[in-house]
C-alpha atoms as a PDB file:
ATOM      1  CA  UNK A   1      39.700 -58.295 -15.017  1.00  0.00           C
ATOM      2  CA  UNK A   2      39.447 -57.856 -18.911  1.00  0.00           C
ATOM      3  CA  UNK A   3      35.970 -56.424 -20.448  1.00  0.00           C
ATOM      4  CA  UNK A   4      34.238 -58.840 -22.707  1.00  0.00           C
ATOM      5  CA  UNK A   5      34.971 -58.712 -26.373  1.00  0.00           C
ATOM      6  CA  UNK A   6      31.562 -57.624 -27.277  1.00  0.00           C
ATOM      7  CA  UNK A   7      31.333 -54.240 -25.869  1.00  0.00           C
ATOM      8  CA  UNK A   8      28.115 -52.049 -26.600  1.00  0.00           C
ATOM      9  CA  UNK A   9      29.232 -48.661 -27.585  1.00  0.00           C
ATOM     10  CA  UNK A  10      26.275 -46.867 -29.221  1.00  0.00           C
ATOM     11  CA  UNK A  11      26.604 -44.204 -31.562  1.00  0.00           C
ATOM     12  CA  UNK A  12      24.382 -41.898 -30.010  1.00  0.00           C
ATOM     13  CA  UNK A  13      26.454 -41.714 -27.195  1.00  0.00           C
ATOM     14  CA  UNK A  14      29.427 -40.794 -29.420  1.00  0.00           C
ATOM     15  CA  UNK A  15      27.556 -38.580 -31.777  1.00  0.00           C
ATOM     16  CA  UNK A  16      24.717 -36.909 -29.168  1.00  0.00           C
ATOM     17  CA  UNK A  17      26.972 -36.752 -25.962  1.00  0.00           C
ATOM     18  CA  UNK A  18      30.394 -36.859 -26.088  1.00  0.00           C
ATOM     19  CA  UNK A  19      31.395 -35.540 -29.380  1.00  0.00           C
ATOM     20  CA  UNK A  20      28.420 -32.778 -29.318  1.00  0.00           C
ATOM     21  CA  UNK A  21      29.562 -29.538 -27.752  1.00  0.00           C
ATOM     22  CA  UNK A  22      27.628 -29.280 -24.146  1.00  0.00           C
ATOM     23  CA  UNK A  23      27.504 -26.094 -21.985  1.00  0.00           C
ATOM     24  CA  UNK A  24      28.245 -28.293 -18.989  1.00  0.00           C
ATOM     25  CA  UNK A  25      30.844 -31.555 -18.615  1.00  0.00           C
ATOM     26  CA  UNK A  26      31.620 -30.895 -22.412  1.00  0.00           C
ATOM     27  CA  UNK A  27      34.245 -33.467 -23.484  1.00  0.00           C
ATOM     28  CA  UNK A  28      34.018 -32.610 -27.195  1.00  0.00           C
ATOM     29  CA  UNK A  29      36.764 -29.878 -27.148  1.00  0.00           C
ATOM     30  CA  UNK A  30      39.037 -32.477 -25.427  1.00  0.00           C
ATOM     31  CA  UNK A  31      38.528 -35.004 -28.211  1.00  0.00           C
ATOM     32  CA  UNK A  32      38.707 -32.977 -30.650  1.00  0.00           C
ATOM     33  CA  UNK A  33      42.443 -32.304 -29.460  1.00  0.00           C
ATOM     34  CA  UNK A  34      43.004 -35.531 -31.258  1.00  0.00           C
ATOM     35  CA  UNK A  35      41.019 -34.967 -34.167  1.00  0.00           C
ATOM     36  CA  UNK A  36      37.710 -36.799 -33.098  1.00  0.00           C
ATOM     37  CA  UNK A  37      34.491 -35.319 -34.096  1.00  0.00           C
ATOM     38  CA  UNK A  38      31.153 -36.182 -35.192  1.00  0.00           C
ATOM     39  CA  UNK A  39      32.056 -36.929 -39.069  1.00  0.00           C
ATOM     40  CA  UNK A  40      34.393 -39.116 -37.716  1.00  0.00           C
ATOM     41  CA  UNK A  41      32.279 -40.821 -35.097  1.00  0.00           C
ATOM     42  CA  UNK A  42      33.395 -44.471 -36.071  1.00  0.00           C
ATOM     43  CA  UNK A  43      36.881 -43.874 -35.711  1.00  0.00           C
ATOM     44  CA  UNK A  44      36.473 -42.776 -32.188  1.00  0.00           C
ATOM     45  CA  UNK A  45      34.058 -46.088 -31.864  1.00  0.00           C
ATOM     46  CA  UNK A  46      36.873 -48.725 -32.884  1.00  0.00           C
ATOM     47  CA  UNK A  47      39.949 -46.951 -30.944  1.00  0.00           C
ATOM     48  CA  UNK A  48      37.583 -47.133 -27.837  1.00  0.00           C
ATOM     49  CA  UNK A  49      36.684 -50.742 -28.530  1.00  0.00           C
ATOM     50  CA  UNK A  50      40.688 -51.203 -28.724  1.00  0.00           C
ATOM     51  CA  UNK A  51      41.072 -49.820 -25.729  1.00  0.00           C
ATOM     52  CA  UNK A  52      38.431 -52.079 -23.839  1.00  0.00           C
ATOM     53  CA  UNK A  53      40.142 -54.981 -25.550  1.00  0.00           C
ATOM     54  CA  UNK A  54      43.566 -54.335 -23.848  1.00  0.00           C
ATOM     55  CA  UNK A  55      43.464 -52.198 -20.822  1.00  0.00           C
ATOM     56  CA  UNK A  56      42.674 -53.728 -17.371  1.00  0.00           C
ATOM     57  CA  UNK A  57      39.310 -52.528 -15.615  1.00  0.00           C
ATOM     58  CA  UNK A  58      38.390 -52.529 -12.461  1.00  0.00           C
ATOM     59  CA  UNK A  59      35.271 -52.749 -10.584  1.00  0.00           C
ATOM     60  CA  UNK A  60      34.523 -49.723  -8.937  1.00  0.00           C
ATOM     61  CA  UNK A  61      30.969 -49.928  -7.558  1.00  0.00           C
ATOM     62  CA  UNK A  62      27.498 -51.813  -7.894  1.00  0.00           C
ATOM     63  CA  UNK A  63      24.452 -50.091  -8.250  1.00  0.00           C
ATOM     64  CA  UNK A  64      20.782 -51.369  -8.663  1.00  0.00           C
ATOM     65  CA  UNK A  65      21.354 -51.077 -12.314  1.00  0.00           C
ATOM     66  CA  UNK A  66      24.516 -53.078 -12.542  1.00  0.00           C
ATOM     67  CA  UNK A  67      28.434 -53.088 -11.947  1.00  0.00           C
ATOM     68  CA  UNK A  68      30.317 -49.659 -12.732  1.00  0.00           C
ATOM     69  CA  UNK A  69      33.858 -50.702 -14.080  1.00  0.00           C
ATOM     70  CA  UNK A  70      36.715 -48.572 -15.356  1.00  0.00           C
ATOM     71  CA  UNK A  71      39.503 -49.005 -17.700  1.00  0.00           C
ATOM     72  CA  UNK A  72      42.431 -46.466 -18.351  1.00  0.00           C
ATOM     73  CA  UNK A  73      44.344 -46.360 -21.330  1.00  0.00           C
ATOM     74  CA  UNK A  74      45.174 -43.790 -24.311  1.00  0.00           C
ATOM     75  CA  UNK A  75      43.244 -43.189 -27.392  1.00  0.00           C
ATOM     76  CA  UNK A  76      45.366 -42.394 -30.794  1.00  0.00           C
ATOM     77  CA  UNK A  77      43.612 -39.814 -32.488  1.00  0.00           C
ATOM     78  CA  UNK A  78      42.841 -39.117 -36.350  1.00  0.00           C
ATOM     79  CA  UNK A  79      45.600 -36.714 -36.207  1.00  0.00           C
ATOM     80  CA  UNK A  80      48.252 -38.448 -34.299  1.00  0.00           C
ATOM     81  CA  UNK A  81      47.569 -36.565 -30.738  1.00  0.00           C
ATOM     82  CA  UNK A  82      47.087 -39.378 -27.683  1.00  0.00           C
ATOM     83  CA  UNK A  83      44.858 -38.592 -24.959  1.00  0.00           C
ATOM     84  CA  UNK A  84      45.113 -40.327 -21.661  1.00  0.00           C
ATOM     85  CA  UNK A  85      41.742 -41.420 -20.748  1.00  0.00           C
ATOM     86  CA  UNK A  86      39.670 -43.215 -18.101  1.00  0.00           C
ATOM     87  CA  UNK A  87      36.557 -44.929 -19.712  1.00  0.00           C
ATOM     88  CA  UNK A  88      33.537 -46.244 -17.617  1.00  0.00           C
ATOM     89  CA  UNK A  89      31.487 -48.908 -18.417  1.00  0.00           C
ATOM     90  CA  UNK A  90      28.260 -50.723 -17.135  1.00  0.00           C
ATOM     91  CA  UNK A  91      27.768 -54.263 -16.924  1.00  0.00           C
ATOM     92  CA  UNK A  92      23.901 -54.658 -16.668  1.00  0.00           C
ATOM     93  CA  UNK A  93      22.522 -56.675 -14.147  1.00  0.00           C
ATOM     94  CA  UNK A  94      19.630 -57.622 -15.948  1.00  0.00           C
ATOM     95  CA  UNK A  95      21.249 -59.077 -19.228  1.00  0.00           C
ATOM     96  CA  UNK A  96      25.280 -59.192 -18.339  1.00  0.00           C
ATOM     97  CA  UNK A  97      25.822 -56.690 -21.261  1.00  0.00           C
ATOM     98  CA  UNK A  98      28.758 -54.386 -20.868  1.00  0.00           C
ATOM     99  CA  UNK A  99      28.242 -51.054 -22.421  1.00  0.00           C
ATOM    100  CA  UNK A 100      30.101 -47.763 -22.661  1.00  0.00           C
ATOM    101  CA  UNK A 101      28.711 -44.900 -20.313  1.00  0.00           C
ATOM    102  CA  UNK A 102      31.402 -41.930 -20.694  1.00  0.00           C
ATOM    103  CA  UNK A 103      35.042 -40.757 -20.596  1.00  0.00           C
ATOM    104  CA  UNK A 104      37.253 -38.329 -18.658  1.00  0.00           C
ATOM    105  CA  UNK A 105      40.867 -37.218 -19.377  1.00  0.00           C
ATOM    106  CA  UNK A 106      42.723 -39.230 -16.932  1.00  0.00           C
ATOM    107  CA  UNK A 107      44.739 -37.267 -14.432  1.00  0.00           C
ATOM    108  CA  UNK A 108      46.496 -40.087 -13.047  1.00  0.00           C
END
């Protein structure tokens, strides 16, 4: 299945979570390898939109809040390094809106 064309990727999710160093489950170091940082968060947002538009999504599970979806693909960072990632999305039960949740390095 394809994700809808109007997915929501909140600025705060990128700048306050993915691109901010965290003592636990840090993702900023992985993303920094490709040149993503808080000062260029818009590039990461655009690259995630591109991944969402082209990747096939799979339903993972359903929660009271909505359906959890995943999509695998590559992010071509601003410095030319390519990261292979698994992205996680939620289709909200109340509104049907699809929102970005997180990403992980893809081991597959």
